[in-house]
């Protein structure tokens, strides 16, 4: 897949959320996420939605499954959200490790994959923001469809534009409230690699699995 757009708001003076990821020592985890996305191949038929409906009802679950299996092979796993109870109150994927410093606990990144209704993005930001502010992770990343990709999905589905507006509004509210620390949250917008000819509307997806001994090298 293609990383079509990135939104990394300024969260610490002139430093963006993406810069904070590298400055706080979790740049390798961010690289793993990007590697999984870019080594996943997604081809779809050129059949945009009609009358508000999508032709690819099974596509969001297929992408979630493929990203999940790739990330699992890199030791990522779901993580309970702060103060929450129940399986539905988890970040989709997270990877956390000891910082190696006496004055700092664990460091890591949490990831939300939002391919469904764009209203759910608010809950994603809340979970990521709480985990960051409570010191459980360094940063949060949300994966959403690009605006072009969104044209092939349900009309209430998430897209880069509406997710960006929501995240910028959250940051504006945190700033207006006088928050000393702004959560390092960023958005990656994904897009399919190209079109494929099939007799019916459909898609094909191929994703990498990784060797746990050499985690950044996918298994062919």
Protein backbone atom coordinates (compact mmCIF):
# COMPACT_ATOMS: atom_id res chain seq x y z
CA UNK A 1 0.00 0.00 0.00
CA UNK A 2 0.98 3.61 -0.35
CA UNK A 3 1.32 6.13 2.48
CA UNK A 4 -0.42 8.93 0.64
CA UNK A 5 -0.61 11.60 3.36
CA UNK A 6 0.90 12.27 6.78
CA UNK A 7 -0.37 14.68 9.42
CA UNK A 8 2.10 15.24 12.27
CA UNK A 9 0.97 18.30 14.26
CA UNK A 10 3.35 20.43 16.31
CA UNK A 11 3.07 19.17 19.89
CA UNK A 12 6.24 20.42 21.61
CA UNK A 13 7.25 23.92 20.53
CA UNK A 14 8.45 23.58 16.94
CA UNK A 15 8.68 19.79 17.16
CA UNK A 16 6.04 17.67 15.40
CA UNK A 17 4.59 14.40 16.66
CA UNK A 18 6.77 12.58 14.12
CA UNK A 19 9.91 14.31 15.44
CA UNK A 20 8.98 13.42 19.01
CA UNK A 21 8.77 9.76 18.03
CA UNK A 22 12.42 9.78 16.99
CA UNK A 23 13.62 12.09 19.76
CA UNK A 24 12.04 9.86 22.43
CA UNK A 25 13.63 6.66 21.13
CA UNK A 26 10.77 4.84 19.42
CA UNK A 27 11.66 5.66 15.82
CA UNK A 28 12.33 1.99 15.10
CA UNK A 29 8.74 1.12 16.03
CA UNK A 30 7.44 3.83 13.70
CA UNK A 31 9.66 2.37 10.97
CA UNK A 32 8.08 -1.05 11.54
CA UNK A 33 4.59 0.39 11.00
CA UNK A 34 5.65 2.16 7.80
CA UNK A 35 7.41 -0.97 6.55
CA UNK A 36 4.31 -3.13 7.09
CA UNK A 37 2.13 -0.66 5.20
CA UNK A 38 4.47 -0.22 2.26
CA UNK A 39 5.18 -3.94 1.90
CA UNK A 40 1.45 -4.77 1.88
CA UNK A 41 0.15 -4.91 -1.69
CA UNK A 42 -3.49 -3.97 -2.27
CA UNK A 43 -5.17 -4.00 -5.68
CA UNK A 44 -8.87 -3.21 -6.17
CA UNK A 45 -11.28 -3.07 -9.09
CA UNK A 46 -12.16 0.44 -10.24
CA UNK A 47 -15.69 0.39 -8.81
CA UNK A 48 -16.35 3.47 -6.64
CA UNK A 49 -19.31 3.45 -4.27
CA UNK A 50 -22.78 4.18 -5.63
CA UNK A 51 -25.66 5.86 -3.80
CA UNK A 52 -23.69 6.00 -0.56
CA UNK A 53 -22.91 2.28 -0.53
CA UNK A 54 -19.60 0.54 -1.04
CA UNK A 55 -18.76 -2.33 -3.36
CA UNK A 56 -16.08 -3.59 -0.96
CA UNK A 57 -17.86 -4.56 2.23
CA UNK A 58 -15.17 -7.08 3.23
CA UNK A 59 -12.21 -4.83 2.43
CA UNK A 60 -11.86 -3.05 5.83
CA UNK A 61 -11.75 -6.35 7.71
CA UNK A 62 -9.28 -7.79 5.18
CA UNK A 63 -6.92 -4.83 5.62
CA UNK A 64 -7.26 -5.00 9.41
CA UNK A 65 -6.49 -8.72 9.33
CA UNK A 66 -3.47 -8.36 7.05
CA UNK A 67 -1.98 -5.46 9.04
CA UNK A 68 -2.67 -7.37 12.24
CA UNK A 69 -0.91 -10.53 11.12
CA UNK A 70 2.09 -8.54 9.90
CA UNK A 71 2.31 -6.60 13.16
CA UNK A 72 1.83 -9.74 15.24
CA UNK A 73 4.85 -11.26 13.54
CA UNK A 74 6.76 -8.19 14.77
CA UNK A 75 5.47 -8.74 18.36
CA UNK A 76 2.81 -6.01 18.31
CA UNK A 77 -0.41 -6.81 20.19
CA UNK A 78 -3.66 -5.18 21.39
CA UNK A 79 -3.29 -3.06 24.54
CA UNK A 80 -5.85 -2.16 27.17
CA UNK A 81 -6.76 1.52 27.19
CA UNK A 82 -6.20 3.48 30.45
CA UNK A 83 -9.01 3.09 32.97
CA UNK A 84 -11.05 0.97 30.57
CA UNK A 85 -12.65 -2.43 30.96
CA UNK A 86 -13.63 -4.97 28.34
CA UNK A 87 -12.14 -6.17 25.10
CA UNK A 88 -13.65 -3.28 23.12
CA UNK A 89 -11.67 -0.73 25.13
CA UNK A 90 -8.26 -1.53 23.67
CA UNK A 91 -5.89 0.13 21.27
CA UNK A 92 -5.78 -1.95 18.09
CA UNK A 93 -2.02 -2.55 18.27
CA UNK A 94 0.81 -1.47 20.54
CA UNK A 95 4.45 -2.29 21.15
CA UNK A 96 6.11 -1.29 24.41
CA UNK A 97 9.53 -2.01 25.88
CA UNK A 98 11.60 -0.86 28.89
CA UNK A 99 13.30 2.48 28.32
CA UNK A 100 16.58 1.36 29.86
CA UNK A 101 16.64 4.52 32.00
CA UNK A 102 16.07 4.53 35.76
CA UNK A 103 13.98 7.71 35.66
CA UNK A 104 11.75 6.55 32.78
CA UNK A 105 9.38 3.59 32.59
CA UNK A 106 8.33 1.85 29.43
CA UNK A 107 8.36 3.48 26.01
CA UNK A 108 6.28 2.52 23.00
CA UNK A 109 3.74 3.38 20.33
CA UNK A 110 0.03 2.54 20.08
CA UNK A 111 -1.71 2.20 16.73
CA UNK A 112 -5.36 2.60 15.76
CA UNK A 113 -6.61 1.42 12.34
CA UNK A 114 -9.77 3.35 11.45
CA UNK A 115 -11.29 2.13 8.19
CA UNK A 116 -14.90 2.29 9.34
CA UNK A 117 -17.23 5.11 10.43
CA UNK A 118 -15.32 8.38 10.78
CA UNK A 119 -17.11 9.23 14.04
CA UNK A 120 -15.12 6.44 15.72
CA UNK A 121 -11.98 8.51 15.20
CA UNK A 122 -12.86 10.60 18.27
CA UNK A 123 -12.72 7.50 20.48
CA UNK A 124 -9.38 6.55 18.92
CA UNK A 125 -7.88 9.96 19.76
CA UNK A 126 -9.23 9.75 23.30
CA UNK A 127 -7.66 6.33 23.89
CA UNK A 128 -4.32 7.37 22.40
CA UNK A 129 -4.29 10.71 24.21
CA UNK A 130 -5.03 9.19 27.62
CA UNK A 131 -2.33 6.54 27.20
CA UNK A 132 0.24 9.19 26.24
CA UNK A 133 -0.69 11.58 29.06
CA UNK A 134 -0.52 8.76 31.61
CA UNK A 135 2.97 7.85 30.41
CA UNK A 136 2.08 4.43 29.04
CA UNK A 137 3.26 5.17 25.50
CA UNK A 138 5.32 7.88 23.78
CA UNK A 139 3.06 8.43 20.76
CA UNK A 140 -0.08 7.30 18.99
CA UNK A 141 -0.65 6.73 15.29
CA UNK A 142 -3.96 6.49 13.44
CA UNK A 143 -4.17 4.78 10.06
CA UNK A 144 -7.05 6.01 7.87
CA UNK A 145 -7.88 5.82 4.14
CA UNK A 146 -6.68 8.59 1.85
CA UNK A 147 -9.36 10.85 0.41
CA UNK A 148 -9.12 9.00 -2.92
CA UNK A 149 -9.38 5.61 -1.22
CA UNK A 150 -12.42 6.85 0.72
CA UNK A 151 -14.32 7.26 -2.56
CA UNK A 152 -14.39 3.46 -2.83
CA UNK A 153 -15.74 2.97 0.71
CA UNK A 154 -18.94 3.84 2.57
CA UNK A 155 -19.83 7.54 2.52
CA UNK A 156 -19.53 7.80 6.32
CA UNK A 157 -16.16 6.09 6.31
CA UNK A 158 -13.06 7.76 7.68
CA UNK A 159 -10.79 9.71 5.36
CA UNK A 160 -7.63 11.75 5.70
CA UNK A 161 -9.45 15.08 5.43
CA UNK A 162 -12.11 14.45 8.07
CA UNK A 163 -9.66 12.70 10.43
CA UNK A 164 -7.25 15.64 10.09
CA UNK A 165 -10.00 18.12 10.96
CA UNK A 166 -10.92 16.09 14.03
CA UNK A 167 -7.34 15.74 15.28
CA UNK A 168 -6.63 19.44 14.76
CA UNK A 169 -9.81 20.26 16.70
CA UNK A 170 -8.69 18.01 19.58
CA UNK A 171 -5.30 19.71 19.66
CA UNK A 172 -6.98 23.12 19.60
CA UNK A 173 -9.13 22.15 22.59
CA UNK A 174 -6.09 20.87 24.53
CA UNK A 175 -4.21 24.10 23.82
CA UNK A 176 -7.23 26.25 24.79
CA UNK A 177 -7.54 24.35 28.07
CA UNK A 178 -3.97 25.29 28.98
CA UNK A 179 -2.53 21.80 28.68
CA UNK A 180 1.21 21.77 29.42
CA UNK A 181 1.77 18.54 27.48
CA UNK A 182 0.17 17.86 24.11
CA UNK A 183 -0.17 14.17 23.15
CA UNK A 184 2.04 13.17 20.22
CA UNK A 185 -0.60 11.81 17.83
CA UNK A 186 -0.23 11.61 14.06
CA UNK A 187 -2.18 10.30 11.08
CA UNK A 188 -1.01 8.08 8.22
CA UNK A 189 -3.38 7.94 5.24
CA UNK A 190 -3.10 4.75 3.19
CA UNK A 191 -4.07 4.10 -0.40
CA UNK A 192 -4.30 1.06 -2.67
CA UNK A 193 -1.40 0.32 -5.05
CA UNK A 194 -3.48 0.21 -8.20
CA UNK A 195 -6.37 -1.40 -10.05
CA UNK A 196 -6.99 -5.01 -11.01
CA UNK A 197 -9.33 -6.52 -13.58
CA UNK A 198 -11.81 -9.00 -12.11
CA UNK A 199 -15.23 -10.16 -13.39
CA UNK A 200 -16.91 -8.71 -10.27
CA UNK A 201 -16.03 -5.86 -7.89
CA UNK A 202 -13.28 -7.16 -5.64
CA UNK A 203 -9.74 -6.84 -4.37
CA UNK A 204 -6.53 -8.75 -3.79
CA UNK A 205 -4.24 -8.21 -0.84
CA UNK A 206 -0.80 -9.63 -0.09
CA UNK A 207 1.02 -8.87 3.14
CA UNK A 208 4.42 -9.60 4.69
CA UNK A 209 5.27 -11.78 7.66
CA UNK A 210 8.49 -11.16 9.53
CA UNK A 211 11.23 -13.30 11.00
CA UNK A 212 11.22 -12.66 14.79
CA UNK A 213 15.01 -13.06 14.88
CA UNK A 214 15.45 -10.42 12.17
CA UNK A 215 12.15 -8.54 12.63
CA UNK A 216 12.47 -5.99 9.85
CA UNK A 217 13.06 -8.63 7.18
CA UNK A 218 9.79 -10.08 5.79
CA UNK A 219 9.48 -13.80 5.14
CA UNK A 220 9.06 -14.44 1.43
